[in-house]
Amino acid sequence: MASWNRSRELAQVVDIARLYFEEGKTQKDISECLGIPQATISRLLQRASDEGIVRHIISPPRLFGLQTEVLKKLRSKGIREVRVVLGTSSMEDKKNIENPDKNTANLGAHGAEYLWDLLSQHTGEQVTIGMACGDTLAALVRHFVNYLQDDFSARKELQNKTIRLYPLNLFWERELESTIYPPALVVAFGTQLTALGCKVHAFVPQPPIDFYEAYDTIFCTIDKNKCKQPADQKQVHKQIHKYIYYLQKQIDGYVEYLNQAKNADIFLLGIGAYINDEKYMHVLKESYNYNNDKKAICVLNESSNESDGKSIDLENESEEKKFLDLETVAGEINYQPFTYDGEFYTLRRFLTVTAKDLIAIAGNPAKKVIAVAGGESKKSAVLASLKCNPPYNVLITDECVGQHLYDTL
């Protein structure tokens, strides 16, 4: 008899669970339909869960699940947040490698959303942003400005803050494109925010053209001087020191500027995919870092005093230059190339917040160093940037790269 009663109770529990979970009826509806007190309905539904008749399966959205799993794999590398956004499918993305505007725009939109979240949550009256450059960051700027234009309340909220903008690299030439040069992108961003009534200070020094000319004069003279007789070398050495004095004064000013940039609250970075990308190769050639014969780029010796950006060491500069084979390079961040093993190199003559600096900054829990990159063409570069110590602690990417990281790491 007891067994029969239990079977009947379980059948009732199953019926009530189906009405509630499958048909979507409320406890009140079931109570009225079956003539059972609502308190009994609640008790039987709890019993259905306790005895495993009903099992609750939490099934997060597909991209959220991928995002969570990728973050688990990257936490040990210093990554604190991962955002995986919807991108083009693998097949569609492969078709769009040469024209990735759709994916770039989508990443830029989500990067802008993340930036707004940080700014709206920032408690201080002043916030400082350091910016690299690239098509994705240019898209981020466009979407951020468009958002402010469309949302009056957001615009009013941001107008209560003072925004300080710094480029993270001072490379600049006379013919500017906002996506190539950090100073130009900072100027464009600052100008648009100012037009919307925001209080903006864009800290962009005068283009360091004289610096580059003096630098080239010094070291071209050093190279030529190697072939001269000792007596002639002494005279040339005096000439070099005249340039050194002028150059050192400029370096001191730029280093002070870059030190201020390192104190930013938020850093925005892109990840370049190919070292032989036309835009990046243009930067290399303009900066005399590119050796066409060796198909390599000239990098700083790790022991060179110039790596700290504070001094020019004639002895080190007179040594044989160190070249990095382009075939070993996976990509670049803030114009600084990194290999497939995740090793970063600082380019000679570049006035920049270095990858070494960014790695140290990314280790500070109070700083947000955000890399935004995605698409089929960026898979290898993003993966390589994570092999050692990535110079960022937040990654915003798409499903294509997110899945690649999950499968590979």
Protein backbone atom coordinates (compact mmCIF):
# COMPACT_ATOMS: atom_id res chain seq x y z
CA MET A 1 0.00 0.00 0.00
CA ALA A 2 2.82 2.39 0.93
CA SER A 3 4.55 1.63 -2.39
CA TRP A 4 1.35 2.32 -4.29
CA ASN A 5 0.84 5.64 -2.46
CA ARG A 6 4.41 6.71 -3.25
CA SER A 7 3.94 5.88 -6.93
CA ARG A 8 0.78 7.95 -7.02
CA GLU A 9 2.52 10.88 -5.30
CA LEU A 10 5.44 10.74 -7.73
CA ALA A 11 3.02 10.68 -10.67
CA GLN A 12 1.38 13.77 -9.25
CA VAL A 13 4.75 15.46 -8.78
CA VAL A 14 5.64 14.72 -12.44
CA ASP A 15 2.30 16.09 -13.68
CA ILE A 16 2.68 19.29 -11.68
CA ALA A 17 6.32 19.71 -12.80
CA ARG A 18 5.29 19.37 -16.46
CA LEU A 19 2.49 21.91 -16.06
CA TYR A 20 4.87 24.35 -14.38
CA PHE A 21 8.15 23.90 -16.31
CA GLU A 22 6.98 22.70 -19.74
CA GLU A 23 3.65 24.43 -20.18
CA GLY A 24 4.57 27.55 -18.27
CA LYS A 25 1.54 27.60 -15.98
CA THR A 26 1.77 29.49 -12.68
CA GLN A 27 1.44 27.83 -9.30
CA LYS A 28 -1.90 29.61 -8.89
CA ASP A 29 -3.17 28.25 -12.23
CA ILE A 30 -2.14 24.70 -11.29
CA SER A 31 -3.75 25.04 -7.86
CA GLU A 32 -7.07 26.11 -9.38
CA CYS A 33 -6.90 23.46 -12.13
CA LEU A 34 -6.14 20.51 -9.81
CA GLY A 35 -7.95 21.75 -6.71
CA ILE A 36 -4.77 21.54 -4.63
CA PRO A 37 -3.65 24.30 -2.24
CA GLN A 38 -0.94 26.52 -3.72
CA ALA A 39 1.32 25.78 -0.75
CA THR A 40 1.14 22.08 -1.67
CA ILE A 41 2.00 22.89 -5.28
CA SER A 42 5.10 24.78 -4.09
CA ARG A 43 6.11 21.88 -1.83
CA LEU A 44 5.71 19.30 -4.61
CA LEU A 45 7.75 21.42 -7.05
CA GLN A 46 10.54 21.59 -4.48
CA ARG A 47 10.31 17.81 -4.08
CA ALA A 48 10.62 17.44 -7.86
CA SER A 49 13.97 19.26 -7.64
CA ASP A 50 15.14 17.44 -4.52
CA GLU A 51 14.48 13.98 -6.00
CA GLY A 52 16.01 14.75 -9.38
CA ILE A 53 12.72 14.64 -11.28
CA VAL A 54 13.46 18.18 -12.42
CA ARG A 55 17.08 19.12 -13.14
CA HIS A 56 18.10 22.71 -13.66
CA ILE A 57 20.69 23.07 -16.41
CA ILE A 58 22.34 26.46 -16.72
CA SER A 59 23.16 26.95 -20.38
CA PRO A 60 24.83 30.34 -20.87
CA PRO A 61 24.84 32.00 -24.30
CA ARG A 62 27.40 30.36 -26.55
CA LEU A 63 29.80 33.33 -26.68
CA PHE A 64 29.57 33.88 -22.93
CA GLY A 65 30.56 30.28 -22.38
CA LEU A 66 33.51 30.63 -24.76
CA GLN A 67 34.48 33.89 -23.07
CA THR A 68 34.48 32.21 -19.66
CA GLU A 69 36.60 29.27 -20.84
CA VAL A 70 39.13 31.49 -22.61
CA LEU A 71 39.51 33.65 -19.49
CA LYS A 72 40.23 30.52 -17.42
CA LYS A 73 43.12 29.73 -19.76
CA LEU A 74 44.49 33.29 -19.76
CA ARG A 75 44.31 34.18 -16.07
CA SER A 76 47.75 32.67 -15.45
CA LYS A 77 49.15 35.04 -18.09
CA GLY A 78 47.87 38.13 -16.28
CA ILE A 79 44.68 38.62 -18.30
CA ARG A 80 41.91 39.82 -15.98
CA GLU A 81 39.03 40.24 -18.42
CA VAL A 82 38.07 38.75 -21.79
CA ARG A 83 35.23 39.91 -24.01
CA VAL A 84 34.34 37.63 -26.91
CA VAL A 85 31.96 39.32 -29.33
CA LEU A 86 30.04 38.06 -32.30
CA GLY A 87 32.12 38.23 -35.45
CA THR A 88 31.91 36.95 -38.96
CA SER A 89 31.93 33.18 -39.34
CA SER A 90 35.18 31.50 -40.25
CA MET A 91 34.13 31.05 -43.87
CA GLU A 92 32.83 34.62 -44.15
CA ASP A 93 35.88 36.00 -42.39
CA LYS A 94 38.24 34.24 -44.79
CA LYS A 95 36.44 35.93 -47.67
CA ASN A 96 36.84 39.29 -45.96
CA ILE A 97 40.54 39.17 -45.06
CA GLU A 98 41.28 41.80 -47.68
CA ASN A 99 38.28 43.92 -46.69
CA PRO A 100 37.63 43.32 -42.98
CA ASP A 101 35.62 46.51 -42.43
CA LYS A 102 32.60 44.67 -41.02
CA ASN A 103 34.57 42.81 -38.36
CA THR A 104 36.67 45.87 -37.53
CA ALA A 105 33.53 47.98 -37.06
CA ASN A 106 31.99 45.35 -34.77
CA LEU A 107 35.10 45.12 -32.60
CA GLY A 108 35.30 48.92 -32.53
CA ALA A 109 31.68 49.13 -31.37
CA HIS A 110 32.24 46.70 -28.49
CA GLY A 111 35.53 48.38 -27.60
CA ALA A 112 33.68 51.72 -27.43
CA GLU A 113 31.05 50.16 -25.20
CA TYR A 114 33.72 48.81 -22.85
CA LEU A 115 35.48 52.19 -22.78
CA TRP A 116 32.22 53.93 -21.90
CA ASP A 117 31.63 51.45 -19.05
CA LEU A 118 35.07 52.29 -17.63
CA LEU A 119 34.58 56.05 -17.96
CA SER A 120 31.09 56.00 -16.45
CA GLN A 121 32.35 53.95 -13.48
CA HIS A 122 35.45 56.11 -12.95
CA THR A 123 34.95 58.01 -9.70
CA GLY A 124 37.48 60.79 -10.22
CA GLU A 125 36.88 64.10 -11.93
CA GLN A 126 39.80 63.43 -14.27
CA VAL A 127 40.66 60.35 -16.33
CA THR A 128 43.72 59.80 -18.52
CA ILE A 129 43.74 57.60 -21.63
CA GLY A 130 46.87 56.44 -23.48
CA MET A 131 46.31 55.44 -27.10
CA ALA A 132 48.17 53.41 -29.69
CA CYS A 133 46.66 53.31 -33.18
CA GLY A 134 45.25 51.13 -35.94
CA ASP A 135 42.05 50.60 -37.90
CA THR A 136 40.27 48.90 -34.98
CA LEU A 137 41.06 51.75 -32.57
CA ALA A 138 39.96 54.26 -35.20
CA ALA A 139 36.65 52.35 -35.40
CA LEU A 140 36.43 52.41 -31.60
CA VAL A 141 36.81 56.20 -31.63
CA ARG A 142 34.11 56.60 -34.31
CA HIS A 143 31.62 54.44 -32.41
CA PHE A 144 32.37 56.14 -29.11
CA VAL A 145 31.77 59.59 -30.59
CA ASN A 146 28.60 58.42 -32.36
CA TYR A 147 27.29 57.01 -29.08
CA LEU A 148 27.82 60.33 -27.32
CA GLN A 149 26.13 62.18 -30.17
CA ASP A 150 23.04 59.95 -29.87
CA ASP A 151 22.84 59.77 -26.06
CA PHE A 152 22.30 63.13 -24.39
CA SER A 153 22.53 61.77 -20.83
CA ALA A 154 25.84 60.00 -21.54
CA ARG A 155 27.20 63.16 -23.10
CA LYS A 156 26.20 65.25 -20.09
CA GLU A 157 27.77 62.70 -17.75
CA LEU A 158 31.08 62.75 -19.60
CA GLN A 159 31.10 66.55 -19.71
CA ASN A 160 31.55 66.49 -15.93
CA LYS A 161 34.96 64.86 -16.31
CA THR A 162 38.26 66.12 -17.66
CA ILE A 163 39.70 63.71 -20.22
CA ARG A 164 43.45 63.68 -20.79
CA LEU A 165 44.68 61.96 -23.96
CA TYR A 166 48.22 60.79 -24.67
CA PRO A 167 49.61 58.95 -27.70
CA LEU A 168 51.77 56.01 -26.63
CA ASN A 169 54.16 56.44 -29.56
CA LEU A 170 55.49 59.71 -30.97
CA PHE A 171 56.18 58.55 -34.50
CA TRP A 172 54.87 61.23 -36.83
CA GLU A 173 55.60 62.45 -40.33
CA ARG A 174 54.31 65.27 -42.48
CA GLU A 175 51.66 63.26 -44.35
CA LEU A 176 49.30 62.01 -41.67
CA GLU A 177 46.67 59.30 -41.57
CA SER A 178 44.75 58.96 -38.32
CA THR A 179 44.83 55.16 -38.33
CA ILE A 180 48.61 55.00 -38.71
CA TYR A 181 49.94 57.50 -36.20
CA PRO A 182 48.96 57.59 -32.50
CA PRO A 183 49.40 61.40 -32.24
CA ALA A 184 47.02 61.93 -35.16
CA LEU A 185 44.42 59.57 -33.70
CA VAL A 186 44.66 61.37 -30.35
CA VAL A 187 44.16 64.74 -32.07
CA ALA A 188 41.14 63.41 -33.99
CA PHE A 189 39.58 61.91 -30.84
CA GLY A 190 40.23 65.01 -28.77
CA THR A 191 38.83 67.34 -31.43
CA GLN A 192 35.59 65.35 -31.73
CA LEU A 193 35.11 65.12 -27.96
CA THR A 194 35.71 68.87 -27.61
CA ALA A 195 33.07 69.54 -30.28
CA LEU A 196 30.61 67.61 -28.09
CA GLY A 197 31.29 69.87 -25.14
CA CYS A 198 33.72 67.60 -23.28
CA LYS A 199 36.70 68.99 -21.38
CA VAL A 200 39.70 67.48 -23.16
CA HIS A 201 43.45 67.95 -22.91
CA ALA A 202 45.21 66.21 -25.80
CA PHE A 203 48.91 66.08 -24.97
CA VAL A 204 50.60 65.87 -28.33
CA PRO A 205 54.09 67.40 -28.55
CA GLN A 206 55.47 69.01 -31.65
CA PRO A 207 56.35 66.44 -34.31
CA PRO A 208 59.87 65.19 -33.52
CA ILE A 209 61.11 65.86 -37.05
CA ASP A 210 64.20 67.77 -35.84
CA PHE A 211 64.91 64.91 -33.44
CA TYR A 212 64.95 62.40 -36.30
CA GLU A 213 67.11 64.62 -38.50
CA ALA A 214 69.64 65.14 -35.71
CA TYR A 215 69.62 61.44 -34.91
CA ASP A 216 70.24 60.50 -38.53
CA THR A 217 73.03 63.05 -38.88
CA ILE A 218 74.81 61.67 -35.83
CA PHE A 219 74.69 58.02 -36.70
CA CYS A 220 75.23 58.40 -40.43
CA THR A 221 78.36 60.34 -39.46
CA ILE A 222 79.38 57.55 -37.08
CA ASP A 223 79.00 54.95 -39.84
CA LYS A 224 81.09 57.00 -42.27
CA ASN A 225 83.68 57.73 -39.58
CA LYS A 226 84.51 54.03 -39.26
CA CYS A 227 86.41 54.23 -42.55
CA LYS A 228 88.41 57.35 -41.69
CA GLN A 229 91.93 57.67 -40.32
CA PRO A 230 92.34 58.27 -36.53
CA ALA A 231 93.20 61.97 -36.99
CA ASP A 232 90.08 62.57 -39.06
CA GLN A 233 87.98 60.54 -36.63
CA LYS A 234 88.89 62.91 -33.79
CA GLN A 235 87.57 65.92 -35.73
CA VAL A 236 84.38 64.10 -36.68
CA HIS A 237 83.90 63.07 -33.06
CA LYS A 238 83.76 66.73 -32.03
CA GLN A 239 81.13 67.34 -34.69
CA ILE A 240 79.10 64.42 -33.39
CA HIS A 241 79.11 65.78 -29.84
CA LYS A 242 77.57 69.06 -31.03
CA TYR A 243 74.60 67.09 -32.32
CA ILE A 244 74.55 64.88 -29.24
CA TYR A 245 74.05 67.88 -26.95
CA TYR A 246 71.09 69.13 -28.97
CA LEU A 247 69.61 65.65 -29.33
CA GLN A 248 69.92 64.85 -25.63
CA LYS A 249 67.92 67.95 -24.69
CA GLN A 250 65.13 66.81 -27.01
CA ILE A 251 65.24 63.28 -25.65
CA ASP A 252 64.89 64.55 -22.07
CA GLY A 253 61.71 66.41 -23.03
CA TYR A 254 60.18 63.47 -24.83
CA VAL A 255 61.07 61.03 -22.05
CA GLU A 256 59.31 63.28 -19.53
CA TYR A 257 56.27 63.32 -21.80
CA LEU A 258 56.27 59.52 -22.17
CA ASN A 259 56.63 59.11 -18.41
CA GLN A 260 53.40 61.09 -18.03
CA ALA A 261 51.74 58.85 -20.64
CA LYS A 262 52.72 55.80 -18.58
CA ASN A 263 50.62 57.16 -15.70
CA ALA A 264 47.37 56.89 -17.68
CA ASP A 265 44.37 55.14 -16.13
CA ILE A 266 43.30 53.41 -19.36
CA PHE A 267 45.44 52.20 -22.25
CA LEU A 268 44.01 51.34 -25.68
CA LEU A 269 46.04 49.02 -27.92
CA GLY A 270 45.56 47.28 -31.22
CA ILE A 271 47.37 44.14 -32.36
CA GLY A 272 48.86 44.24 -35.85
CA ALA A 273 48.74 40.96 -37.72
CA TYR A 274 51.52 41.07 -40.29
CA ILE A 275 54.92 42.65 -40.10
CA ASN A 276 54.78 43.07 -43.89
CA ASP A 277 51.50 44.96 -43.69
CA GLU A 278 51.76 47.92 -46.06
CA LYS A 279 51.03 50.54 -43.40
CA TYR A 280 53.46 49.11 -40.88
CA MET A 281 56.19 48.64 -43.47
CA HIS A 282 55.73 52.31 -44.31
CA VAL A 283 56.39 53.16 -40.67
CA LEU A 284 59.49 50.96 -40.60
CA LYS A 285 60.96 52.45 -43.76
CA GLU A 286 60.27 56.01 -42.68
CA SER A 287 62.02 55.29 -39.39
CA TYR A 288 65.10 53.70 -40.97
CA ASN A 289 64.50 50.52 -39.02
CA TYR A 290 64.08 48.42 -42.15
CA ASN A 291 66.97 46.74 -43.93
CA ASN A 292 65.81 45.90 -47.44
CA ASP A 293 68.80 43.73 -48.27
CA LYS A 294 68.51 41.54 -45.18
CA LYS A 295 64.69 41.74 -45.10
CA ALA A 296 64.99 42.47 -41.41
CA ILE A 297 64.31 45.25 -38.94
CA CYS A 298 66.93 46.94 -36.82
CA VAL A 299 66.24 46.54 -33.10
CA LEU A 300 67.90 47.66 -29.89
CA ASN A 301 70.48 45.47 -28.28
CA GLU A 302 69.08 44.41 -24.92
CA SER A 303 72.18 45.76 -23.19
CA SER A 304 71.94 49.13 -24.91
CA ASN A 305 71.44 52.11 -22.63
CA GLU A 306 69.18 53.60 -25.26
CA SER A 307 66.51 51.06 -24.41
CA ASP A 308 65.44 53.23 -21.47
CA GLY A 309 65.06 56.21 -23.80
CA LYS A 310 67.24 58.39 -21.56
CA SER A 311 70.62 58.56 -23.26
CA ILE A 312 72.56 57.97 -26.43
CA ASP A 313 75.57 55.73 -25.97
CA LEU A 314 78.13 56.32 -28.72
CA GLU A 315 79.97 53.13 -27.96
CA ASN A 316 76.87 50.99 -28.33
CA GLU A 317 75.76 52.89 -31.44
CA SER A 318 79.13 52.28 -33.08
CA GLU A 319 78.72 48.54 -32.65
CA GLU A 320 77.30 46.35 -35.35
CA LYS A 321 73.55 46.77 -35.56
CA LYS A 322 71.26 43.97 -34.44
CA PHE A 323 68.62 42.83 -36.93
CA LEU A 324 65.49 40.81 -36.35
CA ASP A 325 64.50 38.48 -39.19
CA LEU A 326 61.03 39.43 -40.46
CA GLU A 327 60.11 35.77 -40.92
CA THR A 328 60.20 35.27 -37.15
CA VAL A 329 57.80 38.16 -36.48
CA ALA A 330 54.13 37.44 -35.78
CA GLY A 331 52.84 40.99 -35.36
CA GLU A 332 53.22 44.29 -33.57
CA ILE A 333 51.73 46.26 -30.69
CA ASN A 334 52.32 50.02 -30.55
CA TYR A 335 54.76 49.56 -33.49
CA GLN A 336 56.90 47.15 -31.48
CA PRO A 337 57.31 43.77 -33.18
CA PHE A 338 56.98 40.46 -31.39
CA THR A 339 57.95 36.97 -32.49
CA TYR A 340 55.87 33.81 -32.61
CA ASP A 341 57.37 33.00 -29.20
CA GLY A 342 55.92 36.20 -27.74
CA GLU A 343 59.23 38.04 -27.41
CA PHE A 344 58.99 41.82 -27.95
CA TYR A 345 61.66 44.07 -29.47
CA THR A 346 62.03 47.84 -29.31
CA LEU A 347 62.79 49.54 -32.61
CA ARG A 348 65.77 51.85 -32.79
CA ARG A 349 64.95 55.58 -32.94
CA PHE A 350 61.39 55.11 -31.69
CA LEU A 351 60.14 57.45 -29.00
CA THR A 352 57.58 55.19 -27.38
CA VAL A 353 56.09 53.63 -24.29
CA THR A 354 57.78 50.29 -24.79
CA ALA A 355 56.30 46.82 -24.57
CA LYS A 356 58.39 46.32 -21.44
CA ASP A 357 56.70 49.38 -19.94
CA LEU A 358 53.24 48.13 -20.91
CA ILE A 359 53.90 44.69 -19.42
CA ALA A 360 54.78 46.32 -16.11
CA ILE A 361 51.72 48.60 -16.26
CA ALA A 362 49.44 45.66 -17.08
CA GLY A 363 50.57 44.04 -13.83
CA ASN A 364 49.09 46.94 -11.87
CA PRO A 365 45.54 45.97 -10.78
CA ALA A 366 44.50 49.64 -10.85
CA LYS A 367 45.27 49.98 -14.58
CA LYS A 368 43.23 48.81 -17.56
CA VAL A 369 45.42 47.95 -20.54
CA ILE A 370 43.00 46.92 -23.29
CA ALA A 371 43.89 45.14 -26.52
CA VAL A 372 41.19 45.07 -29.20
CA ALA A 373 41.77 42.67 -32.12
CA GLY A 374 39.98 39.92 -34.00
CA GLY A 375 39.40 38.20 -37.31
CA GLU A 376 40.91 35.27 -39.18
CA SER A 377 44.02 37.27 -40.10
CA LYS A 378 44.75 38.12 -36.44
CA LYS A 379 44.60 34.60 -34.96
CA SER A 380 48.33 33.92 -35.04
CA ALA A 381 49.29 37.41 -33.87
CA VAL A 382 46.95 37.42 -30.87
CA LEU A 383 48.07 33.92 -29.88
CA ALA A 384 51.75 34.87 -30.18
CA SER A 385 51.27 38.02 -28.08
CA LEU A 386 50.05 35.78 -25.24
CA LYS A 387 52.95 33.31 -25.33
CA CYS A 388 55.09 35.15 -22.75
CA ASN A 389 54.00 38.22 -20.82
CA PRO A 390 51.32 40.07 -22.77
CA PRO A 391 51.48 43.89 -22.57
CA TYR A 392 47.77 44.07 -21.74
CA ASN A 393 45.37 42.73 -19.13
CA VAL A 394 42.04 43.00 -20.98
CA LEU A 395 41.36 41.33 -24.33
CA ILE A 396 38.41 42.22 -26.54
CA THR A 397 38.22 39.83 -29.47
CA ASP A 398 35.75 37.96 -31.64
CA GLU A 399 34.52 34.39 -31.83
CA CYS A 400 37.08 33.44 -34.47
CA VAL A 401 40.10 34.36 -32.33
CA GLY A 402 38.40 33.30 -29.10
CA GLN A 403 37.79 29.79 -30.42
CA HIS A 404 41.39 29.62 -31.71
CA LEU A 405 42.75 30.55 -28.29
CA TYR A 406 40.52 27.99 -26.58
CA ASP A 407 41.58 25.21 -29.00
CA THR A 408 45.29 26.07 -28.93
CA LEU A 409 46.22 27.12 -25.41
